[in-house]
Amino acid sequence: MENKEIQILLVDDEPDILEILEYNLSKEGYQITTANNGKKALKKAKKINPHLVILDMMMPGMDGIETCKKLREIPEMQKSIITFLTALSEDLKEMQSYEAGADDYITKPIRPKVLVSKVKALLRRFKPIKTEKNLINSGDLIIDKAAFQLQKNGENIHLPRKEFEMLALLISQEGKVFSREEILKSIWGKDVIVGDRTVDVHIRKIREKIGKEKIITVTGIGYKYVV
């Protein structure tokens, strides 16, 4: 994803801080939206669905902790990255930020170069899976379930039907651990008797074609897909 496609929401009640953050991140090509309080932040988040929110913790009225909790209640914000920007560094505040649903914690003051580096690192965590009807985009893979087609970095990759269905199942919920029993029931149905080793063999073949690192073995349980 190019920087110009990335939406960042900056929330701080101090105009000088907002100006500094906006200036330095705009130079990197990011699309910047600002808000000076929690209520405005919620309205703008619903409108732009930001990839990243940099949120001041200590604001009058609705503070950062409450704002973060309300942001996480917005369905479209479940995969957004939220980081607090605060002068406080006590362990208690750090714990509260994570409990509210934040992904990270940046302490003021922060140098511009450090800020940019931190933002780039945070954005690397943003890996949404976009599903539009029969099309699934995830990282370098595109799956067309209707056409039974798989592309990796724009190149077509052939998968036999069962392997294709298994990959589509795993990729449909990134990070979810599917037990072997779930996979067998979903792909083969409850009336067809096959062993657990059948799943393992198919997973091995899928890994050979898309990369071993994308499907993780969870010992004693099953498998999950990660980007």
C-alpha atoms as a PDB file:
ATOM      1  CA  MET A   1       0.000   0.000   0.000  1.00  0.00           C
ATOM      2  CA  GLU A   2       1.364   3.411  -0.989  1.00  0.00           C
ATOM      3  CA  ASN A   3       1.617   6.219   1.562  1.00  0.00           C
ATOM      4  CA  LYS A   4      -0.915   8.335  -0.351  1.00  0.00           C
ATOM      5  CA  GLU A   5      -3.526   5.609   0.241  1.00  0.00           C
ATOM      6  CA  ILE A   6      -2.990   5.578   4.003  1.00  0.00           C
ATOM      7  CA  GLN A   7      -5.359   7.564   6.216  1.00  0.00           C
ATOM      8  CA  ILE A   8      -4.021   8.795   9.572  1.00  0.00           C
ATOM      9  CA  LEU A   9      -6.206  10.477  12.185  1.00  0.00           C
ATOM     10  CA  LEU A  10      -4.387  12.776  14.627  1.00  0.00           C
ATOM     11  CA  VAL A  11      -6.193  13.659  17.861  1.00  0.00           C
ATOM     12  CA  ASP A  12      -4.781  16.208  20.307  1.00  0.00           C
ATOM     13  CA  ASP A  13      -6.181  19.271  22.074  1.00  0.00           C
ATOM     14  CA  GLU A  14      -2.917  21.188  21.650  1.00  0.00           C
ATOM     15  CA  PRO A  15      -2.795  23.019  18.267  1.00  0.00           C
ATOM     16  CA  ASP A  16       1.007  23.117  18.243  1.00  0.00           C
ATOM     17  CA  ILE A  17       1.245  19.337  18.650  1.00  0.00           C
ATOM     18  CA  LEU A  18      -1.286  18.747  15.886  1.00  0.00           C
ATOM     19  CA  GLU A  19       0.582  21.108  13.578  1.00  0.00           C
ATOM     20  CA  ILE A  20       3.925  19.371  14.166  1.00  0.00           C
ATOM     21  CA  LEU A  21       2.465  15.892  13.700  1.00  0.00           C
ATOM     22  CA  GLU A  22       0.520  16.880  10.586  1.00  0.00           C
ATOM     23  CA  TYR A  23       3.497  18.641   9.005  1.00  0.00           C
ATOM     24  CA  ASN A  24       5.939  15.769   9.456  1.00  0.00           C
ATOM     25  CA  LEU A  25       3.542  13.001   8.422  1.00  0.00           C
ATOM     26  CA  SER A  26       2.158  14.935   5.451  1.00  0.00           C
ATOM     27  CA  LYS A  27       5.740  15.215   4.140  1.00  0.00           C
ATOM     28  CA  GLU A  28       5.783  11.410   3.980  1.00  0.00           C
ATOM     29  CA  GLY A  29       2.726  11.444   1.729  1.00  0.00           C
ATOM     30  CA  TYR A  30       0.144  10.203   4.242  1.00  0.00           C
ATOM     31  CA  GLN A  31      -3.434  11.492   4.129  1.00  0.00           C
ATOM     32  CA  ILE A  32      -3.889  13.376   7.400  1.00  0.00           C
ATOM     33  CA  THR A  33      -7.097  14.253   9.235  1.00  0.00           C
ATOM     34  CA  THR A  34      -7.038  16.097  12.574  1.00  0.00           C
ATOM     35  CA  ALA A  35      -9.379  16.433  15.537  1.00  0.00           C
ATOM     36  CA  ASN A  36      -8.908  18.437  18.728  1.00  0.00           C
ATOM     37  CA  ASN A  37     -11.187  16.390  20.983  1.00  0.00           C
ATOM     38  CA  GLY A  38     -12.634  12.911  21.389  1.00  0.00           C
ATOM     39  CA  LYS A  39     -16.110  13.623  20.035  1.00  0.00           C
ATOM     40  CA  LYS A  40     -14.747  15.074  16.795  1.00  0.00           C
ATOM     41  CA  ALA A  41     -12.342  12.157  16.544  1.00  0.00           C
ATOM     42  CA  LEU A  42     -15.233   9.673  16.625  1.00  0.00           C
ATOM     43  CA  LYS A  43     -17.136  11.514  13.892  1.00  0.00           C
ATOM     44  CA  LYS A  44     -14.097  11.760  11.642  1.00  0.00           C
ATOM     45  CA  ALA A  45     -13.078   8.138  12.262  1.00  0.00           C
ATOM     46  CA  LYS A  46     -16.512   6.961  11.076  1.00  0.00           C
ATOM     47  CA  LYS A  47     -16.120   9.091   7.959  1.00  0.00           C
ATOM     48  CA  ILE A  48     -12.565   8.161   6.873  1.00  0.00           C
ATOM     49  CA  ASN A  49     -12.005   4.756   8.549  1.00  0.00           C
ATOM     50  CA  PRO A  50      -8.319   5.507   9.301  1.00  0.00           C
ATOM     51  CA  HIS A  51      -5.542   2.958   9.077  1.00  0.00           C
ATOM     52  CA  LEU A  52      -3.796   4.605  12.062  1.00  0.00           C
ATOM     53  CA  VAL A  53      -4.979   6.825  14.921  1.00  0.00           C
ATOM     54  CA  ILE A  54      -2.473   8.796  16.993  1.00  0.00           C
ATOM     55  CA  LEU A  55      -4.413   9.764  20.086  1.00  0.00           C
ATOM     56  CA  ASP A  56      -3.519  12.128  22.915  1.00  0.00           C
ATOM     57  CA  MET A  57      -4.265  10.562  26.279  1.00  0.00           C
ATOM     58  CA  MET A  58      -4.871  13.682  28.375  1.00  0.00           C
ATOM     59  CA  MET A  59      -7.693  15.695  26.779  1.00  0.00           C
ATOM     60  CA  PRO A  60     -10.489  17.689  28.450  1.00  0.00           C
ATOM     61  CA  GLY A  61     -13.976  16.224  28.327  1.00  0.00           C
ATOM     62  CA  MET A  62     -13.590  12.809  26.731  1.00  0.00           C
ATOM     63  CA  ASP A  63     -10.034  11.706  27.473  1.00  0.00           C
ATOM     64  CA  GLY A  64      -7.921   9.420  25.309  1.00  0.00           C
ATOM     65  CA  ILE A  65      -8.815   6.237  27.187  1.00  0.00           C
ATOM     66  CA  GLU A  66     -12.564   6.765  26.720  1.00  0.00           C
ATOM     67  CA  THR A  67     -12.083   7.860  23.103  1.00  0.00           C
ATOM     68  CA  CYS A  68     -10.066   4.743  22.355  1.00  0.00           C
ATOM     69  CA  LYS A  69     -12.739   2.490  23.840  1.00  0.00           C
ATOM     70  CA  LYS A  70     -15.440   4.170  21.743  1.00  0.00           C
ATOM     71  CA  LEU A  71     -13.298   3.948  18.606  1.00  0.00           C
ATOM     72  CA  ARG A  72     -12.957   0.208  19.132  1.00  0.00           C
ATOM     73  CA  GLU A  73     -16.754  -0.064  19.295  1.00  0.00           C
ATOM     74  CA  ILE A  74     -16.940   1.061  15.654  1.00  0.00           C
ATOM     75  CA  PRO A  75     -16.981  -2.158  13.550  1.00  0.00           C
ATOM     76  CA  GLU A  76     -14.815  -0.649  10.798  1.00  0.00           C
ATOM     77  CA  MET A  77     -12.164   0.294  13.379  1.00  0.00           C
ATOM     78  CA  GLN A  78     -11.459  -3.251  14.555  1.00  0.00           C
ATOM     79  CA  LYS A  79      -8.366  -3.565  12.374  1.00  0.00           C
ATOM     80  CA  SER A  80      -7.192   0.047  12.689  1.00  0.00           C
ATOM     81  CA  ILE A  81      -3.980   0.706  14.611  1.00  0.00           C
ATOM     82  CA  ILE A  82      -4.377   3.018  17.621  1.00  0.00           C
ATOM     83  CA  THR A  83      -1.424   4.460  19.504  1.00  0.00           C
ATOM     84  CA  PHE A  84      -1.447   6.914  22.385  1.00  0.00           C
ATOM     85  CA  LEU A  85       0.719  10.020  22.386  1.00  0.00           C
ATOM     86  CA  THR A  86       1.240  11.228  25.933  1.00  0.00           C
ATOM     87  CA  ALA A  87       3.659  12.861  28.318  1.00  0.00           C
ATOM     88  CA  LEU A  88       2.744  10.321  30.976  1.00  0.00           C
ATOM     89  CA  SER A  89       4.917   7.254  31.354  1.00  0.00           C
ATOM     90  CA  GLU A  90       3.609   5.533  34.461  1.00  0.00           C
ATOM     91  CA  ASP A  91       3.022   1.799  34.168  1.00  0.00           C
ATOM     92  CA  LEU A  92      -0.608   2.271  35.224  1.00  0.00           C
ATOM     93  CA  LYS A  93      -1.365   4.582  32.311  1.00  0.00           C
ATOM     94  CA  GLU A  94       0.399   2.227  29.923  1.00  0.00           C
ATOM     95  CA  MET A  95      -1.709  -0.664  31.177  1.00  0.00           C
ATOM     96  CA  GLN A  96      -4.883   1.394  30.822  1.00  0.00           C
ATOM     97  CA  SER A  97      -4.018   2.234  27.229  1.00  0.00           C
ATOM     98  CA  TYR A  98      -3.704  -1.420  26.254  1.00  0.00           C
ATOM     99  CA  GLU A  99      -6.847  -2.369  28.162  1.00  0.00           C
ATOM    100  CA  ALA A 100      -8.727   0.339  26.244  1.00  0.00           C
ATOM    101  CA  GLY A 101      -7.746  -1.306  22.975  1.00  0.00           C
ATOM    102  CA  ALA A 102      -4.605   0.598  21.983  1.00  0.00           C
ATOM    103  CA  ASP A 103      -1.799  -1.103  20.070  1.00  0.00           C
ATOM    104  CA  ASP A 104       1.080   1.022  21.270  1.00  0.00           C
ATOM    105  CA  TYR A 105       2.202   3.928  23.413  1.00  0.00           C
ATOM    106  CA  ILE A 106       4.392   6.875  22.363  1.00  0.00           C
ATOM    107  CA  THR A 107       5.854   9.181  25.010  1.00  0.00           C
ATOM    108  CA  LYS A 108       6.162  12.946  24.435  1.00  0.00           C
ATOM    109  CA  PRO A 109       8.268  14.734  23.443  1.00  0.00           C
ATOM    110  CA  ILE A 110       9.159  12.795  20.312  1.00  0.00           C
ATOM    111  CA  ARG A 111      11.571  13.851  17.580  1.00  0.00           C
ATOM    112  CA  PRO A 112      10.157  14.064  14.036  1.00  0.00           C
ATOM    113  CA  LYS A 113      12.446  11.354  12.623  1.00  0.00           C
ATOM    114  CA  VAL A 114      11.553   9.040  15.487  1.00  0.00           C
ATOM    115  CA  LEU A 115       7.862   9.766  14.948  1.00  0.00           C
ATOM    116  CA  VAL A 116       8.042   8.886  11.259  1.00  0.00           C
ATOM    117  CA  SER A 117       9.946   5.679  11.988  1.00  0.00           C
ATOM    118  CA  LYS A 118       7.431   4.722  14.657  1.00  0.00           C
ATOM    119  CA  VAL A 119       4.499   5.364  12.328  1.00  0.00           C
ATOM    120  CA  LYS A 120       6.050   3.225   9.596  1.00  0.00           C
ATOM    121  CA  ALA A 121       6.563   0.401  12.095  1.00  0.00           C
ATOM    122  CA  LEU A 122       2.980   0.675  13.344  1.00  0.00           C
ATOM    123  CA  LEU A 123       1.535   0.665   9.835  1.00  0.00           C
ATOM    124  CA  ARG A 124       3.338  -2.573   9.062  1.00  0.00           C
ATOM    125  CA  ARG A 125       0.942  -4.177  11.548  1.00  0.00           C
ATOM    126  CA  PHE A 126      -2.078  -3.085   9.516  1.00  0.00           C
ATOM    127  CA  LYS A 127      -2.904  -6.099   7.324  1.00  0.00           C
ATOM    128  CA  PRO A 128      -6.574  -6.153   6.579  1.00  0.00           C
ATOM    129  CA  ILE A 129      -8.324  -8.870   4.679  1.00  0.00           C
ATOM    130  CA  LYS A 130     -10.839  -7.320   2.309  1.00  0.00           C
ATOM    131  CA  THR A 131     -13.646  -9.572   1.185  1.00  0.00           C
ATOM    132  CA  GLU A 132     -15.929  -8.467  -1.637  1.00  0.00           C
ATOM    133  CA  LYS A 133     -18.414 -11.201  -2.493  1.00  0.00           C
ATOM    134  CA  ASN A 134     -16.192 -13.991  -3.877  1.00  0.00           C
ATOM    135  CA  LEU A 135     -12.929 -12.021  -3.903  1.00  0.00           C
ATOM    136  CA  ILE A 136     -10.445 -12.159  -1.038  1.00  0.00           C
ATOM    137  CA  ASN A 137      -7.331  -9.940  -0.999  1.00  0.00           C
ATOM    138  CA  SER A 138      -4.700 -10.701   1.629  1.00  0.00           C
ATOM    139  CA  GLY A 139      -1.103  -9.561   1.356  1.00  0.00           C
ATOM    140  CA  ASP A 140       0.314 -10.820  -1.935  1.00  0.00           C
ATOM    141  CA  LEU A 141      -2.533 -13.282  -2.480  1.00  0.00           C
ATOM    142  CA  ILE A 142      -5.820 -12.792  -4.324  1.00  0.00           C
ATOM    143  CA  ILE A 143      -8.423 -15.546  -4.208  1.00  0.00           C
ATOM    144  CA  ASP A 144     -11.448 -15.604  -6.510  1.00  0.00           C
ATOM    145  CA  LYS A 145     -13.706 -18.200  -4.946  1.00  0.00           C
ATOM    146  CA  ALA A 146     -16.226 -18.112  -7.784  1.00  0.00           C
ATOM    147  CA  ALA A 147     -13.605 -18.808 -10.454  1.00  0.00           C
ATOM    148  CA  PHE A 148     -11.439 -21.067  -8.263  1.00  0.00           C
ATOM    149  CA  GLN A 149      -8.433 -18.895  -9.086  1.00  0.00           C
ATOM    150  CA  LEU A 150      -5.448 -17.975  -6.948  1.00  0.00           C
ATOM    151  CA  GLN A 151      -2.889 -15.287  -7.718  1.00  0.00           C
ATOM    152  CA  LYS A 152       0.336 -14.545  -5.878  1.00  0.00           C
ATOM    153  CA  ASN A 153       2.029 -11.259  -6.779  1.00  0.00           C
ATOM    154  CA  GLY A 154      -0.060 -11.186  -9.956  1.00  0.00           C
ATOM    155  CA  GLU A 155       0.887 -14.702 -11.096  1.00  0.00           C
ATOM    156  CA  ASN A 156      -1.673 -17.487 -11.331  1.00  0.00           C
ATOM    157  CA  ILE A 157      -1.090 -20.477  -9.074  1.00  0.00           C
ATOM    158  CA  HIS A 158      -2.947 -23.728  -9.628  1.00  0.00           C
ATOM    159  CA  LEU A 159      -4.420 -25.453  -6.599  1.00  0.00           C
ATOM    160  CA  PRO A 160      -6.524 -28.622  -6.742  1.00  0.00           C
ATOM    161  CA  ARG A 161     -10.066 -28.059  -5.515  1.00  0.00           C
ATOM    162  CA  LYS A 162      -9.594 -29.313  -1.939  1.00  0.00           C
ATOM    163  CA  GLU A 163      -6.388 -27.338  -1.450  1.00  0.00           C
ATOM    164  CA  PHE A 164      -8.105 -24.253  -2.838  1.00  0.00           C
ATOM    165  CA  GLU A 165     -11.096 -24.646  -0.531  1.00  0.00           C
ATOM    166  CA  MET A 166      -8.839 -25.214   2.462  1.00  0.00           C
ATOM    167  CA  LEU A 167      -6.777 -22.093   1.758  1.00  0.00           C
ATOM    168  CA  ALA A 168      -9.933 -20.036   1.221  1.00  0.00           C
ATOM    169  CA  LEU A 169     -11.249 -21.247   4.583  1.00  0.00           C
ATOM    170  CA  LEU A 170      -8.054 -20.380   6.474  1.00  0.00           C
ATOM    171  CA  ILE A 171      -7.594 -17.008   4.780  1.00  0.00           C
ATOM    172  CA  SER A 172     -11.209 -16.010   5.412  1.00  0.00           C
ATOM    173  CA  GLN A 173     -10.395 -15.408   9.088  1.00  0.00           C
ATOM    174  CA  GLU A 174      -6.784 -14.327   9.471  1.00  0.00           C
ATOM    175  CA  GLY A 175      -5.296 -15.412  12.786  1.00  0.00           C
ATOM    176  CA  LYS A 176      -8.121 -17.784  13.721  1.00  0.00           C
ATOM    177  CA  VAL A 177      -6.976 -21.267  14.641  1.00  0.00           C
ATOM    178  CA  PHE A 178      -8.962 -23.898  12.758  1.00  0.00           C
ATOM    179  CA  SER A 179      -8.889 -27.348  14.304  1.00  0.00           C
ATOM    180  CA  ARG A 180      -8.342 -30.322  12.031  1.00  0.00           C
ATOM    181  CA  GLU A 181     -11.901 -31.381  12.824  1.00  0.00           C
ATOM    182  CA  GLU A 182     -13.269 -28.000  11.682  1.00  0.00           C
ATOM    183  CA  ILE A 183     -11.291 -28.184   8.457  1.00  0.00           C
ATOM    184  CA  LEU A 184     -12.384 -31.752   7.729  1.00  0.00           C
ATOM    185  CA  LYS A 185     -16.047 -30.944   8.367  1.00  0.00           C
ATOM    186  CA  SER A 186     -15.953 -27.772   6.282  1.00  0.00           C
ATOM    187  CA  ILE A 187     -14.058 -29.182   3.291  1.00  0.00           C
ATOM    188  CA  TRP A 188     -15.094 -32.847   3.199  1.00  0.00           C
ATOM    189  CA  GLY A 189     -18.354 -32.781   5.117  1.00  0.00           C
ATOM    190  CA  LYS A 190     -19.390 -34.919   8.057  1.00  0.00           C
ATOM    191  CA  ASP A 191     -20.457 -37.871   5.902  1.00  0.00           C
ATOM    192  CA  VAL A 192     -17.041 -38.441   4.318  1.00  0.00           C
ATOM    193  CA  ILE A 193     -14.517 -40.293   6.467  1.00  0.00           C
ATOM    194  CA  VAL A 194     -10.907 -39.148   6.076  1.00  0.00           C
ATOM    195  CA  GLY A 195      -8.097 -38.995   8.600  1.00  0.00           C
ATOM    196  CA  ASP A 196      -6.329 -36.048  10.230  1.00  0.00           C
ATOM    197  CA  ARG A 197      -3.285 -36.799   8.106  1.00  0.00           C
ATOM    198  CA  THR A 198      -5.298 -35.802   5.051  1.00  0.00           C
ATOM    199  CA  VAL A 199      -5.406 -32.226   6.359  1.00  0.00           C
ATOM    200  CA  ASP A 200      -1.674 -32.250   7.121  1.00  0.00           C
ATOM    201  CA  VAL A 201      -0.808 -33.465   3.614  1.00  0.00           C
ATOM    202  CA  HIS A 202      -2.949 -30.796   1.968  1.00  0.00           C
ATOM    203  CA  ILE A 203      -1.441 -28.081   4.183  1.00  0.00           C
ATOM    204  CA  ARG A 204       2.054 -29.191   3.197  1.00  0.00           C
ATOM    205  CA  LYS A 205       1.173 -28.941  -0.481  1.00  0.00           C
ATOM    206  CA  ILE A 206      -0.406 -25.497  -0.047  1.00  0.00           C
ATOM    207  CA  ARG A 207       2.685 -24.256   1.783  1.00  0.00           C
ATOM    208  CA  GLU A 208       4.894 -25.375  -1.078  1.00  0.00           C
ATOM    209  CA  LYS A 209       2.946 -23.090  -3.418  1.00  0.00           C
ATOM    210  CA  ILE A 210       2.248 -19.965  -1.330  1.00  0.00           C
ATOM    211  CA  GLY A 211       5.079 -20.000   1.229  1.00  0.00           C
ATOM    212  CA  LYS A 212       5.623 -21.926   4.436  1.00  0.00           C
ATOM    213  CA  GLU A 213       5.405 -18.813   6.634  1.00  0.00           C
ATOM    214  CA  LYS A 214       1.761 -18.054   5.778  1.00  0.00           C
ATOM    215  CA  ILE A 215       0.184 -21.076   7.459  1.00  0.00           C
ATOM    216  CA  ILE A 216       1.175 -21.632  11.074  1.00  0.00           C
ATOM    217  CA  THR A 217       0.876 -24.968  12.859  1.00  0.00           C
ATOM    218  CA  VAL A 218      -0.673 -24.707  16.325  1.00  0.00           C
ATOM    219  CA  THR A 219       0.572 -27.860  17.999  1.00  0.00           C
ATOM    220  CA  GLY A 220      -2.146 -30.216  19.101  1.00  0.00           C
ATOM    221  CA  ILE A 221      -4.932 -28.080  17.634  1.00  0.00           C
ATOM    222  CA  GLY A 222      -4.673 -27.212  13.946  1.00  0.00           C
ATOM    223  CA  TYR A 223      -3.652 -24.375  11.668  1.00  0.00           C
ATOM    224  CA  LYS A 224      -4.037 -20.625  11.201  1.00  0.00           C
ATOM    225  CA  TYR A 225      -3.304 -18.242   8.346  1.00  0.00           C
ATOM    226  CA  VAL A 226      -1.168 -15.128   8.928  1.00  0.00           C
ATOM    227  CA  VAL A 227       0.142 -12.415   6.595  1.00  0.00           C
END
